[in-house]
Amino acid sequence: MRKLSVLLLAGALLLTGAPAAHAADNGNWSVYPATTRAGQRPYFFLSADPGATLTDKVTVTNRTDRPRTFRLYAADAYNTARDGGFAVRDRDERQRSIGAWARTGRDRITVRAHGSVTVPVTITVPEDAEPGDHPGALVALDEHVDPAGGGAVAVGIRQAVGARIHLRVNGPTMPALSVEDVRIEHSQPLVPGTGRSRAVISYTLRNRGNVTLAPKVALRAEGLFGRTLLARDLTKVPSELLPRQEVRLTERWDGAPQLEWGEVRLTASARDTRGSAAAGYLAVPWAVAGALLVAVGAGAALWLRPARRRRARTAREEARQAP
């Protein structure tokens, strides 16, 4: 008998980019706040005081020709390390905010073909809840496991769709954005002028505050005497950087100088906050570096030879003067 491994289709819960203007939908089923028409309220946008209890409803619609059974649960959101996409934690992971505070009236539902089921949702905000944004999602996880492979170990895929929850707990808001750990790595031809060089700039973008930010990042590289070598606004930046989240990002610099000494600076800005960090760099082709090493070695040898002669001469004189 083949062993079955179950793989949650993470892509269904990577709600990348800004919130869509329609219900969370994978083509087979959709999840959205209950309204008279799907899409009028594509996600939950709520605010509450610490200690308050909120009530709402979530609707799951089955678009297929057969009944489907779903597990309903709330989960905390986070930014993926790879590209900063909006994702939610699995129901077996530890939940700290929305995932711990929200409860559905039923945690398991069966939706008939081309039908819908609406379930009440209760969010109980603790008295000691931290002010600021608490993002998450209400997730409908299909109990059906689709086969996705053969061999000795079969792999099954379980799909899930989540409707975003944006909850703000009332209190002081503190936007805080920083750029950290800027690094630059060069890749260039052995001989200057025989090919194109490239640099890869990596950095950490961190949301140190308690509100969701939409950061913009500007890159500037300067060479000797303050010459501007590169100035661009970066596009591979998360559209939503969640509170207390960080992402490691990279930016390619094609045609980077092959012989240069300067500084790369990244400046991130968002609502009422700004952060900047820099790293110095020295670009030297391998052939030039080798020639410099040879020259330095030759110069050191020329300097050491007279010094050795002087020490030998001094030692001979001291030996002659000894009684």
C-alpha atoms as a PDB file:
ATOM      1  CA  MET A   1       0.000   0.000   0.000  1.00  0.00           C
ATOM      2  CA  ARG A   2       1.378   3.422  -0.903  1.00  0.00           C
ATOM      3  CA  LYS A   3       1.938   5.998   1.789  1.00  0.00           C
ATOM      4  CA  LEU A   4       0.113   9.288   1.194  1.00  0.00           C
ATOM      5  CA  SER A   5       1.742  12.623   1.946  1.00  0.00           C
ATOM      6  CA  VAL A   6      -0.606  15.607   2.062  1.00  0.00           C
ATOM      7  CA  LEU A   7       0.688  18.931   0.777  1.00  0.00           C
ATOM      8  CA  LEU A   8      -1.277  22.110   1.400  1.00  0.00           C
ATOM      9  CA  LEU A   9      -1.311  24.147  -1.799  1.00  0.00           C
ATOM     10  CA  ALA A  10       0.357  27.207  -0.371  1.00  0.00           C
ATOM     11  CA  GLY A  11      -0.236  29.245  -3.498  1.00  0.00           C
ATOM     12  CA  ALA A  12      -3.919  29.392  -2.706  1.00  0.00           C
ATOM     13  CA  LEU A  13      -3.092  31.294   0.484  1.00  0.00           C
ATOM     14  CA  LEU A  14      -0.429  33.579  -0.956  1.00  0.00           C
ATOM     15  CA  LEU A  15      -2.715  36.533  -1.492  1.00  0.00           C
ATOM     16  CA  THR A  16      -0.014  38.563  -3.216  1.00  0.00           C
ATOM     17  CA  GLY A  17      -0.237  42.286  -3.845  1.00  0.00           C
ATOM     18  CA  ALA A  18      -2.854  44.703  -2.633  1.00  0.00           C
ATOM     19  CA  PRO A  19      -6.311  43.427  -1.647  1.00  0.00           C
ATOM     20  CA  ALA A  20      -8.299  42.552  -4.736  1.00  0.00           C
ATOM     21  CA  ALA A  21     -11.563  44.248  -5.607  1.00  0.00           C
ATOM     22  CA  HIS A  22     -13.384  40.920  -5.637  1.00  0.00           C
ATOM     23  CA  ALA A  23     -13.904  37.905  -3.394  1.00  0.00           C
ATOM     24  CA  ALA A  24     -11.020  35.512  -2.695  1.00  0.00           C
ATOM     25  CA  ASP A  25     -11.560  32.878  -5.383  1.00  0.00           C
ATOM     26  CA  ASN A  26      -9.582  30.009  -6.922  1.00  0.00           C
ATOM     27  CA  GLY A  27     -12.113  29.214  -9.635  1.00  0.00           C
ATOM     28  CA  ASN A  28     -13.702  26.350  -7.672  1.00  0.00           C
ATOM     29  CA  TRP A  29     -14.865  28.163  -4.557  1.00  0.00           C
ATOM     30  CA  SER A  30     -14.768  31.636  -3.061  1.00  0.00           C
ATOM     31  CA  VAL A  31     -14.685  33.095   0.461  1.00  0.00           C
ATOM     32  CA  TYR A  32     -15.921  36.582   1.304  1.00  0.00           C
ATOM     33  CA  PRO A  33     -17.721  38.633   3.979  1.00  0.00           C
ATOM     34  CA  ALA A  34     -21.458  38.036   3.782  1.00  0.00           C
ATOM     35  CA  THR A  35     -23.218  40.673   1.688  1.00  0.00           C
ATOM     36  CA  THR A  36     -26.203  40.825  -0.605  1.00  0.00           C
ATOM     37  CA  ARG A  37     -23.809  40.337  -3.558  1.00  0.00           C
ATOM     38  CA  ALA A  38     -20.394  38.687  -3.663  1.00  0.00           C
ATOM     39  CA  GLY A  39     -17.734  41.298  -4.259  1.00  0.00           C
ATOM     40  CA  GLN A  40     -19.429  44.225  -2.531  1.00  0.00           C
ATOM     41  CA  ARG A  41     -17.170  43.607   0.455  1.00  0.00           C
ATOM     42  CA  PRO A  42     -14.210  41.529  -0.769  1.00  0.00           C
ATOM     43  CA  TYR A  43     -12.433  41.456   2.581  1.00  0.00           C
ATOM     44  CA  PHE A  44     -13.065  42.245   6.253  1.00  0.00           C
ATOM     45  CA  PHE A  45     -12.008  45.743   7.274  1.00  0.00           C
ATOM     46  CA  LEU A  46     -12.657  46.211  11.004  1.00  0.00           C
ATOM     47  CA  SER A  47     -11.661  48.347  13.971  1.00  0.00           C
ATOM     48  CA  ALA A  48     -12.227  47.810  17.670  1.00  0.00           C
ATOM     49  CA  ASP A  49     -11.151  48.878  21.145  1.00  0.00           C
ATOM     50  CA  PRO A  50      -9.174  46.457  23.331  1.00  0.00           C
ATOM     51  CA  GLY A  51     -11.650  44.155  25.072  1.00  0.00           C
ATOM     52  CA  ALA A  52     -14.360  44.568  22.408  1.00  0.00           C
ATOM     53  CA  THR A  53     -16.238  41.730  20.692  1.00  0.00           C
ATOM     54  CA  LEU A  54     -17.063  41.995  16.980  1.00  0.00           C
ATOM     55  CA  THR A  55     -19.586  39.891  15.079  1.00  0.00           C
ATOM     56  CA  ASP A  56     -19.782  39.355  11.313  1.00  0.00           C
ATOM     57  CA  LYS A  57     -20.523  36.617   8.793  1.00  0.00           C
ATOM     58  CA  VAL A  58     -18.490  34.795   6.149  1.00  0.00           C
ATOM     59  CA  THR A  59     -19.875  33.152   3.009  1.00  0.00           C
ATOM     60  CA  VAL A  60     -18.339  30.208   1.172  1.00  0.00           C
ATOM     61  CA  THR A  61     -19.606  29.604  -2.380  1.00  0.00           C
ATOM     62  CA  ASN A  62     -19.056  26.319  -4.234  1.00  0.00           C
ATOM     63  CA  ARG A  63     -18.727  26.876  -7.996  1.00  0.00           C
ATOM     64  CA  THR A  64     -18.261  23.213  -8.935  1.00  0.00           C
ATOM     65  CA  ASP A  65     -20.696  20.450  -9.936  1.00  0.00           C
ATOM     66  CA  ARG A  66     -20.225  18.379  -6.777  1.00  0.00           C
ATOM     67  CA  PRO A  67     -20.620  19.019  -3.026  1.00  0.00           C
ATOM     68  CA  ARG A  68     -17.497  20.108  -1.165  1.00  0.00           C
ATOM     69  CA  THR A  69     -16.650  19.912   2.534  1.00  0.00           C
ATOM     70  CA  PHE A  70     -14.459  22.600   4.055  1.00  0.00           C
ATOM     71  CA  ARG A  71     -12.651  23.271   7.292  1.00  0.00           C
ATOM     72  CA  LEU A  72     -13.120  26.872   8.413  1.00  0.00           C
ATOM     73  CA  TYR A  73     -10.502  28.595  10.560  1.00  0.00           C
ATOM     74  CA  ALA A  74      -8.920  31.989  11.173  1.00  0.00           C
ATOM     75  CA  ALA A  75      -5.184  32.523  10.738  1.00  0.00           C
ATOM     76  CA  ASP A  76      -2.578  35.219  11.269  1.00  0.00           C
ATOM     77  CA  ALA A  77      -0.989  36.811   8.209  1.00  0.00           C
ATOM     78  CA  TYR A  78       2.693  37.359   7.508  1.00  0.00           C
ATOM     79  CA  ASN A  79       5.040  38.428   4.694  1.00  0.00           C
ATOM     80  CA  THR A  80       6.815  35.601   2.898  1.00  0.00           C
ATOM     81  CA  ALA A  81      10.594  35.673   3.152  1.00  0.00           C
ATOM     82  CA  ARG A  82      11.013  35.065  -0.602  1.00  0.00           C
ATOM     83  CA  ASP A  83       9.254  38.127  -2.005  1.00  0.00           C
ATOM     84  CA  GLY A  84       7.189  39.687   0.780  1.00  0.00           C
ATOM     85  CA  GLY A  85       3.872  38.303  -0.479  1.00  0.00           C
ATOM     86  CA  PHE A  86       0.818  38.270   1.806  1.00  0.00           C
ATOM     87  CA  ALA A  87       0.373  34.763   3.247  1.00  0.00           C
ATOM     88  CA  VAL A  88      -1.383  33.154   6.226  1.00  0.00           C
ATOM     89  CA  ARG A  89      -0.286  30.521   8.671  1.00  0.00           C
ATOM     90  CA  ASP A  90      -1.485  26.938   8.588  1.00  0.00           C
ATOM     91  CA  ARG A  91      -4.175  26.033  11.130  1.00  0.00           C
ATOM     92  CA  ASP A  92      -1.704  23.789  12.992  1.00  0.00           C
ATOM     93  CA  GLU A  93       0.741  26.663  13.540  1.00  0.00           C
ATOM     94  CA  ARG A  94       0.660  28.854  16.619  1.00  0.00           C
ATOM     95  CA  GLN A  95      -1.665  31.836  16.179  1.00  0.00           C
ATOM     96  CA  ARG A  96      -1.097  35.065  18.116  1.00  0.00           C
ATOM     97  CA  SER A  97      -3.728  37.610  16.996  1.00  0.00           C
ATOM     98  CA  ILE A  98      -6.539  37.144  14.452  1.00  0.00           C
ATOM     99  CA  GLY A  99      -5.970  33.396  14.372  1.00  0.00           C
ATOM    100  CA  ALA A 100      -6.410  33.241  18.146  1.00  0.00           C
ATOM    101  CA  TRP A 101      -9.192  35.818  18.502  1.00  0.00           C
ATOM    102  CA  ALA A 102     -11.586  34.885  15.669  1.00  0.00           C
ATOM    103  CA  ARG A 103     -14.003  31.952  15.833  1.00  0.00           C
ATOM    104  CA  THR A 104     -16.530  30.741  13.263  1.00  0.00           C
ATOM    105  CA  GLY A 105     -19.978  29.416  14.233  1.00  0.00           C
ATOM    106  CA  ARG A 106     -19.065  26.125  12.551  1.00  0.00           C
ATOM    107  CA  ASP A 107     -15.581  24.832  11.858  1.00  0.00           C
ATOM    108  CA  ARG A 108     -16.715  22.300   9.251  1.00  0.00           C
ATOM    109  CA  ILE A 109     -19.276  22.889   6.493  1.00  0.00           C
ATOM    110  CA  THR A 110     -20.532  21.049   3.413  1.00  0.00           C
ATOM    111  CA  VAL A 111     -21.570  23.251   0.501  1.00  0.00           C
ATOM    112  CA  ARG A 112     -23.786  21.775  -2.223  1.00  0.00           C
ATOM    113  CA  ALA A 113     -22.896  22.114  -5.894  1.00  0.00           C
ATOM    114  CA  HIS A 114     -23.289  25.743  -7.053  1.00  0.00           C
ATOM    115  CA  GLY A 115     -24.480  26.629  -3.568  1.00  0.00           C
ATOM    116  CA  SER A 116     -23.368  28.875  -0.705  1.00  0.00           C
ATOM    117  CA  VAL A 117     -23.202  28.626   3.077  1.00  0.00           C
ATOM    118  CA  THR A 118     -22.991  31.610   5.421  1.00  0.00           C
ATOM    119  CA  VAL A 119     -21.481  31.189   8.885  1.00  0.00           C
ATOM    120  CA  PRO A 120     -21.301  33.694  11.774  1.00  0.00           C
ATOM    121  CA  VAL A 121     -17.891  34.963  12.864  1.00  0.00           C
ATOM    122  CA  THR A 122     -16.969  36.327  16.296  1.00  0.00           C
ATOM    123  CA  ILE A 123     -13.740  38.227  17.006  1.00  0.00           C
ATOM    124  CA  THR A 124     -12.941  38.747  20.689  1.00  0.00           C
ATOM    125  CA  VAL A 125     -10.183  41.324  21.155  1.00  0.00           C
ATOM    126  CA  PRO A 126      -8.260  40.838  24.421  1.00  0.00           C
ATOM    127  CA  GLU A 127      -8.074  43.655  26.961  1.00  0.00           C
ATOM    128  CA  ASP A 128      -4.287  43.738  26.583  1.00  0.00           C
ATOM    129  CA  ALA A 129      -4.271  43.652  22.768  1.00  0.00           C
ATOM    130  CA  GLU A 130      -1.524  45.792  21.256  1.00  0.00           C
ATOM    131  CA  PRO A 131      -2.816  48.848  19.370  1.00  0.00           C
ATOM    132  CA  GLY A 132      -2.330  48.889  15.620  1.00  0.00           C
ATOM    133  CA  ASP A 133      -2.990  46.572  12.705  1.00  0.00           C
ATOM    134  CA  HIS A 134      -3.616  42.839  13.110  1.00  0.00           C
ATOM    135  CA  PRO A 135      -3.889  41.258   9.640  1.00  0.00           C
ATOM    136  CA  GLY A 136      -5.154  37.742   9.015  1.00  0.00           C
ATOM    137  CA  ALA A 137      -7.690  35.746   7.023  1.00  0.00           C
ATOM    138  CA  LEU A 138     -10.697  33.452   7.287  1.00  0.00           C
ATOM    139  CA  VAL A 139      -9.716  30.289   5.462  1.00  0.00           C
ATOM    140  CA  ALA A 140     -11.828  27.585   3.800  1.00  0.00           C
ATOM    141  CA  LEU A 141      -9.685  24.444   3.447  1.00  0.00           C
ATOM    142  CA  ASP A 142     -11.041  21.737   1.142  1.00  0.00           C
ATOM    143  CA  GLU A 143     -11.059  18.342   2.895  1.00  0.00           C
ATOM    144  CA  HIS A 144     -10.750  16.543  -0.432  1.00  0.00           C
ATOM    145  CA  VAL A 145      -7.203  15.464  -1.283  1.00  0.00           C
ATOM    146  CA  ASP A 146      -6.314  15.600  -4.974  1.00  0.00           C
ATOM    147  CA  PRO A 147      -3.664  13.099  -6.140  1.00  0.00           C
ATOM    148  CA  ALA A 148      -0.519  14.770  -7.466  1.00  0.00           C
ATOM    149  CA  GLY A 149       2.029  12.075  -8.196  1.00  0.00           C
ATOM    150  CA  GLY A 150       2.871   8.385  -8.144  1.00  0.00           C
ATOM    151  CA  GLY A 151       5.682   6.102  -7.123  1.00  0.00           C
ATOM    152  CA  ALA A 152       6.326   4.592  -3.737  1.00  0.00           C
ATOM    153  CA  VAL A 153       5.099   7.717  -1.962  1.00  0.00           C
ATOM    154  CA  ALA A 154       2.005   9.374  -3.376  1.00  0.00           C
ATOM    155  CA  VAL A 155       1.597  13.113  -2.856  1.00  0.00           C
ATOM    156  CA  GLY A 156      -1.788  14.688  -2.311  1.00  0.00           C
ATOM    157  CA  ILE A 157      -2.722  18.364  -2.531  1.00  0.00           C
ATOM    158  CA  ARG A 158      -5.285  20.114  -0.348  1.00  0.00           C
ATOM    159  CA  GLN A 159      -6.337  23.542  -1.541  1.00  0.00           C
ATOM    160  CA  ALA A 160      -7.455  26.497   0.548  1.00  0.00           C
ATOM    161  CA  VAL A 161      -8.767  29.999  -0.064  1.00  0.00           C
ATOM    162  CA  GLY A 162      -8.709  32.820   2.470  1.00  0.00           C
ATOM    163  CA  ALA A 163     -10.659  36.078   2.781  1.00  0.00           C
ATOM    164  CA  ARG A 164      -8.439  38.754   4.265  1.00  0.00           C
ATOM    165  CA  ILE A 165      -9.135  40.336   7.643  1.00  0.00           C
ATOM    166  CA  HIS A 166      -7.720  43.787   8.347  1.00  0.00           C
ATOM    167  CA  LEU A 167      -8.367  44.565  12.019  1.00  0.00           C
ATOM    168  CA  ARG A 168      -7.081  47.733  13.660  1.00  0.00           C
ATOM    169  CA  VAL A 169      -7.067  47.847  17.445  1.00  0.00           C
ATOM    170  CA  ASN A 170      -7.645  51.453  18.474  1.00  0.00           C
ATOM    171  CA  GLY A 171      -4.790  53.257  20.184  1.00  0.00           C
ATOM    172  CA  PRO A 172      -1.498  54.986  19.288  1.00  0.00           C
ATOM    173  CA  THR A 173      -0.115  54.114  15.858  1.00  0.00           C
ATOM    174  CA  MET A 174       3.640  54.101  15.305  1.00  0.00           C
ATOM    175  CA  PRO A 175       4.851  53.821  11.693  1.00  0.00           C
ATOM    176  CA  ALA A 176       8.513  52.773  11.653  1.00  0.00           C
ATOM    177  CA  LEU A 177      10.430  51.537   8.616  1.00  0.00           C
ATOM    178  CA  SER A 178      14.119  50.690   8.334  1.00  0.00           C
ATOM    179  CA  VAL A 179      16.649  49.405   5.795  1.00  0.00           C
ATOM    180  CA  GLU A 180      19.284  47.065   7.208  1.00  0.00           C
ATOM    181  CA  ASP A 181      22.255  44.895   6.235  1.00  0.00           C
ATOM    182  CA  VAL A 182      22.965  46.272   2.742  1.00  0.00           C
ATOM    183  CA  ARG A 183      25.393  44.103   0.770  1.00  0.00           C
ATOM    184  CA  ILE A 184      26.752  44.202  -2.771  1.00  0.00           C
ATOM    185  CA  GLU A 185      28.334  41.365  -4.765  1.00  0.00           C
ATOM    186  CA  HIS A 186      30.122  41.885  -8.099  1.00  0.00           C
ATOM    187  CA  SER A 187      30.373  39.548 -11.050  1.00  0.00           C
ATOM    188  CA  GLN A 188      32.672  40.803 -13.789  1.00  0.00           C
ATOM    189  CA  PRO A 189      34.917  39.547 -16.614  1.00  0.00           C
ATOM    190  CA  LEU A 190      38.489  38.474 -16.002  1.00  0.00           C
ATOM    191  CA  VAL A 191      39.851  41.072 -18.405  1.00  0.00           C
ATOM    192  CA  PRO A 192      38.373  44.610 -18.386  1.00  0.00           C
ATOM    193  CA  GLY A 193      36.342  45.468 -21.476  1.00  0.00           C
ATOM    194  CA  THR A 194      35.805  41.859 -22.588  1.00  0.00           C
ATOM    195  CA  GLY A 195      32.257  41.500 -21.236  1.00  0.00           C
ATOM    196  CA  ARG A 196      29.514  43.061 -19.116  1.00  0.00           C
ATOM    197  CA  SER A 197      29.756  43.251 -15.354  1.00  0.00           C
ATOM    198  CA  ARG A 198      26.865  42.871 -12.946  1.00  0.00           C
ATOM    199  CA  ALA A 199      26.238  43.573  -9.298  1.00  0.00           C
ATOM    200  CA  VAL A 200      23.588  42.124  -6.989  1.00  0.00           C
ATOM    201  CA  ILE A 201      22.488  44.372  -4.140  1.00  0.00           C
ATOM    202  CA  SER A 202      20.726  42.721  -1.202  1.00  0.00           C
ATOM    203  CA  TYR A 203      19.078  44.351   1.799  1.00  0.00           C
ATOM    204  CA  THR A 204      16.549  43.777   4.588  1.00  0.00           C
ATOM    205  CA  LEU A 205      13.395  45.868   4.707  1.00  0.00           C
ATOM    206  CA  ARG A 206      11.863  45.872   8.193  1.00  0.00           C
ATOM    207  CA  ASN A 207       8.548  47.205   9.516  1.00  0.00           C
ATOM    208  CA  ARG A 208       9.357  48.037  13.131  1.00  0.00           C
ATOM    209  CA  GLY A 209       6.018  49.710  13.808  1.00  0.00           C
ATOM    210  CA  ASN A 210       2.459  48.561  14.503  1.00  0.00           C
ATOM    211  CA  VAL A 211       0.716  49.533  11.251  1.00  0.00           C
ATOM    212  CA  THR A 212       0.795  48.090   7.745  1.00  0.00           C
ATOM    213  CA  LEU A 213       2.980  50.095   5.367  1.00  0.00           C
ATOM    214  CA  ALA A 214       3.173  50.485   1.594  1.00  0.00           C
ATOM    215  CA  PRO A 215       6.904  51.135   1.223  1.00  0.00           C
ATOM    216  CA  LYS A 216       8.756  52.758  -1.646  1.00  0.00           C
ATOM    217  CA  VAL A 217      12.484  52.129  -2.022  1.00  0.00           C
ATOM    218  CA  ALA A 218      14.972  54.263  -3.951  1.00  0.00           C
ATOM    219  CA  LEU A 219      18.435  53.031  -4.929  1.00  0.00           C
ATOM    220  CA  ARG A 220      21.369  55.357  -5.539  1.00  0.00           C
ATOM    221  CA  ALA A 221      24.976  54.419  -6.307  1.00  0.00           C
ATOM    222  CA  GLU A 222      27.803  56.927  -6.282  1.00  0.00           C
ATOM    223  CA  GLY A 223      31.395  56.567  -7.458  1.00  0.00           C
ATOM    224  CA  LEU A 224      34.558  58.535  -6.850  1.00  0.00           C
ATOM    225  CA  PHE A 225      34.075  62.282  -6.238  1.00  0.00           C
ATOM    226  CA  GLY A 226      30.315  61.794  -5.751  1.00  0.00           C
ATOM    227  CA  ARG A 227      29.546  60.878  -9.354  1.00  0.00           C
ATOM    228  CA  THR A 228      26.047  59.383  -9.716  1.00  0.00           C
ATOM    229  CA  LEU A 229      26.334  55.948 -11.318  1.00  0.00           C
ATOM    230  CA  LEU A 230      22.788  54.682 -10.739  1.00  0.00           C
ATOM    231  CA  ALA A 231      19.496  56.156  -9.500  1.00  0.00           C
ATOM    232  CA  ARG A 232      16.244  54.216  -9.680  1.00  0.00           C
ATOM    233  CA  ASP A 233      13.012  53.528  -7.831  1.00  0.00           C
ATOM    234  CA  LEU A 234      12.735  49.814  -7.092  1.00  0.00           C
ATOM    235  CA  THR A 235       9.689  47.837  -8.215  1.00  0.00           C
ATOM    236  CA  LYS A 236      10.281  44.482  -6.483  1.00  0.00           C
ATOM    237  CA  VAL A 237       9.018  45.763  -3.145  1.00  0.00           C
ATOM    238  CA  PRO A 238       6.048  44.383  -1.140  1.00  0.00           C
ATOM    239  CA  SER A 239       2.922  46.468  -1.642  1.00  0.00           C
ATOM    240  CA  GLU A 240       2.008  45.668   1.969  1.00  0.00           C
ATOM    241  CA  LEU A 241       4.661  45.243   4.654  1.00  0.00           C
ATOM    242  CA  LEU A 242       2.862  43.991   7.737  1.00  0.00           C
ATOM    243  CA  PRO A 243       3.677  45.093  11.298  1.00  0.00           C
ATOM    244  CA  ARG A 244       6.780  43.500  12.845  1.00  0.00           C
ATOM    245  CA  GLN A 245       7.641  41.771   9.566  1.00  0.00           C
ATOM    246  CA  GLU A 246      10.852  41.859   7.551  1.00  0.00           C
ATOM    247  CA  VAL A 247      11.831  40.667   4.067  1.00  0.00           C
ATOM    248  CA  ARG A 248      15.183  40.106   2.403  1.00  0.00           C
ATOM    249  CA  LEU A 249      15.191  41.591  -1.101  1.00  0.00           C
ATOM    250  CA  THR A 250      17.667  41.765  -3.972  1.00  0.00           C
ATOM    251  CA  GLU A 251      18.157  44.115  -6.913  1.00  0.00           C
ATOM    252  CA  ARG A 252      20.308  43.482  -9.990  1.00  0.00           C
ATOM    253  CA  TRP A 253      22.565  46.181 -11.377  1.00  0.00           C
ATOM    254  CA  ASP A 254      23.469  45.195 -14.925  1.00  0.00           C
ATOM    255  CA  GLY A 255      26.392  47.091 -16.401  1.00  0.00           C
ATOM    256  CA  ALA A 256      27.874  47.957 -13.020  1.00  0.00           C
ATOM    257  CA  PRO A 257      31.304  49.644 -13.298  1.00  0.00           C
ATOM    258  CA  GLN A 258      34.266  47.305 -13.596  1.00  0.00           C
ATOM    259  CA  LEU A 259      36.717  49.629 -11.902  1.00  0.00           C
ATOM    260  CA  GLU A 260      35.203  51.904  -9.289  1.00  0.00           C
ATOM    261  CA  TRP A 261      35.151  52.802  -5.606  1.00  0.00           C
ATOM    262  CA  GLY A 262      32.018  54.242  -4.069  1.00  0.00           C
ATOM    263  CA  GLU A 263      28.827  53.704  -2.093  1.00  0.00           C
ATOM    264  CA  VAL A 264      25.384  52.188  -2.625  1.00  0.00           C
ATOM    265  CA  ARG A 265      22.523  53.700  -0.607  1.00  0.00           C
ATOM    266  CA  LEU A 266      18.943  52.477  -0.240  1.00  0.00           C
ATOM    267  CA  THR A 267      16.242  54.793   1.094  1.00  0.00           C
ATOM    268  CA  ALA A 268      12.819  53.432   2.087  1.00  0.00           C
ATOM    269  CA  SER A 269       9.831  55.632   2.767  1.00  0.00           C
ATOM    270  CA  ALA A 270       6.194  55.138   3.677  1.00  0.00           C
ATOM    271  CA  ARG A 271       3.522  57.099   5.464  1.00  0.00           C
ATOM    272  CA  ASP A 272       5.209  59.293   8.114  1.00  0.00           C
ATOM    273  CA  THR A 273       8.392  57.210   8.215  1.00  0.00           C
ATOM    274  CA  ARG A 274      11.686  56.946   6.402  1.00  0.00           C
ATOM    275  CA  GLY A 275      14.813  54.814   6.715  1.00  0.00           C
ATOM    276  CA  SER A 276      18.143  54.609   4.912  1.00  0.00           C
ATOM    277  CA  ALA A 277      21.283  52.467   4.893  1.00  0.00           C
ATOM    278  CA  ALA A 278      24.407  52.248   2.757  1.00  0.00           C
ATOM    279  CA  ALA A 279      27.328  49.992   1.932  1.00  0.00           C
ATOM    280  CA  GLY A 280      30.656  50.831   0.358  1.00  0.00           C
ATOM    281  CA  TYR A 281      32.024  48.857  -2.571  1.00  0.00           C
ATOM    282  CA  LEU A 282      35.260  48.428  -4.467  1.00  0.00           C
ATOM    283  CA  ALA A 283      35.013  47.065  -8.010  1.00  0.00           C
ATOM    284  CA  VAL A 284      38.313  45.768  -9.373  1.00  0.00           C
ATOM    285  CA  PRO A 285      38.617  43.328 -12.327  1.00  0.00           C
ATOM    286  CA  TRP A 286      40.459  40.085 -11.573  1.00  0.00           C
ATOM    287  CA  ALA A 287      43.235  40.901 -14.024  1.00  0.00           C
ATOM    288  CA  VAL A 288      43.797  44.301 -12.420  1.00  0.00           C
ATOM    289  CA  ALA A 289      43.628  42.801  -8.935  1.00  0.00           C
ATOM    290  CA  GLY A 290      46.195  40.174  -9.955  1.00  0.00           C
ATOM    291  CA  ALA A 291      48.508  42.803 -11.420  1.00  0.00           C
ATOM    292  CA  LEU A 292      48.202  44.877  -8.237  1.00  0.00           C
ATOM    293  CA  LEU A 293      49.036  41.861  -6.098  1.00  0.00           C
ATOM    294  CA  VAL A 294      52.089  41.137  -8.255  1.00  0.00           C
ATOM    295  CA  ALA A 295      53.170  44.763  -8.031  1.00  0.00           C
ATOM    296  CA  VAL A 296      52.666  44.848  -4.266  1.00  0.00           C
ATOM    297  CA  GLY A 297      54.590  41.589  -3.906  1.00  0.00           C
ATOM    298  CA  ALA A 298      57.455  42.872  -6.032  1.00  0.00           C
ATOM    299  CA  GLY A 299      57.577  46.131  -4.109  1.00  0.00           C
ATOM    300  CA  ALA A 300      57.620  44.285  -0.801  1.00  0.00           C
ATOM    301  CA  ALA A 301      60.476  42.078  -2.035  1.00  0.00           C
ATOM    302  CA  LEU A 302      62.485  45.120  -3.148  1.00  0.00           C
ATOM    303  CA  TRP A 303      61.900  46.775   0.198  1.00  0.00           C
ATOM    304  CA  LEU A 304      62.793  43.689   2.225  1.00  0.00           C
ATOM    305  CA  ARG A 305      66.067  42.937   0.377  1.00  0.00           C
ATOM    306  CA  PRO A 306      67.948  46.093   1.542  1.00  0.00           C
ATOM    307  CA  ALA A 307      66.477  45.660   4.996  1.00  0.00           C
ATOM    308  CA  ARG A 308      67.868  42.131   5.228  1.00  0.00           C
ATOM    309  CA  ARG A 309      71.252  43.375   4.027  1.00  0.00           C
ATOM    310  CA  ARG A 310      71.299  46.108   6.670  1.00  0.00           C
ATOM    311  CA  ARG A 311      70.434  43.616   9.412  1.00  0.00           C
ATOM    312  CA  ALA A 312      73.191  41.243   8.222  1.00  0.00           C
ATOM    313  CA  ARG A 313      75.740  44.082   8.119  1.00  0.00           C
ATOM    314  CA  THR A 314      74.777  45.197  11.613  1.00  0.00           C
ATOM    315  CA  ALA A 315      75.106  41.660  12.929  1.00  0.00           C
ATOM    316  CA  ARG A 316      78.634  41.322  11.461  1.00  0.00           C
ATOM    317  CA  GLU A 317      79.758  44.608  12.966  1.00  0.00           C
ATOM    318  CA  GLU A 318      78.418  43.646  16.390  1.00  0.00           C
ATOM    319  CA  ALA A 319      80.230  40.302  16.125  1.00  0.00           C
ATOM    320  CA  ARG A 320      83.582  42.054  15.347  1.00  0.00           C
ATOM    321  CA  GLN A 321      83.199  44.459  18.281  1.00  0.00           C
ATOM    322  CA  ALA A 322      82.403  41.723  20.729  1.00  0.00           C
ATOM    323  CA  PRO A 323      85.317  40.961  23.235  1.00  0.00           C
END
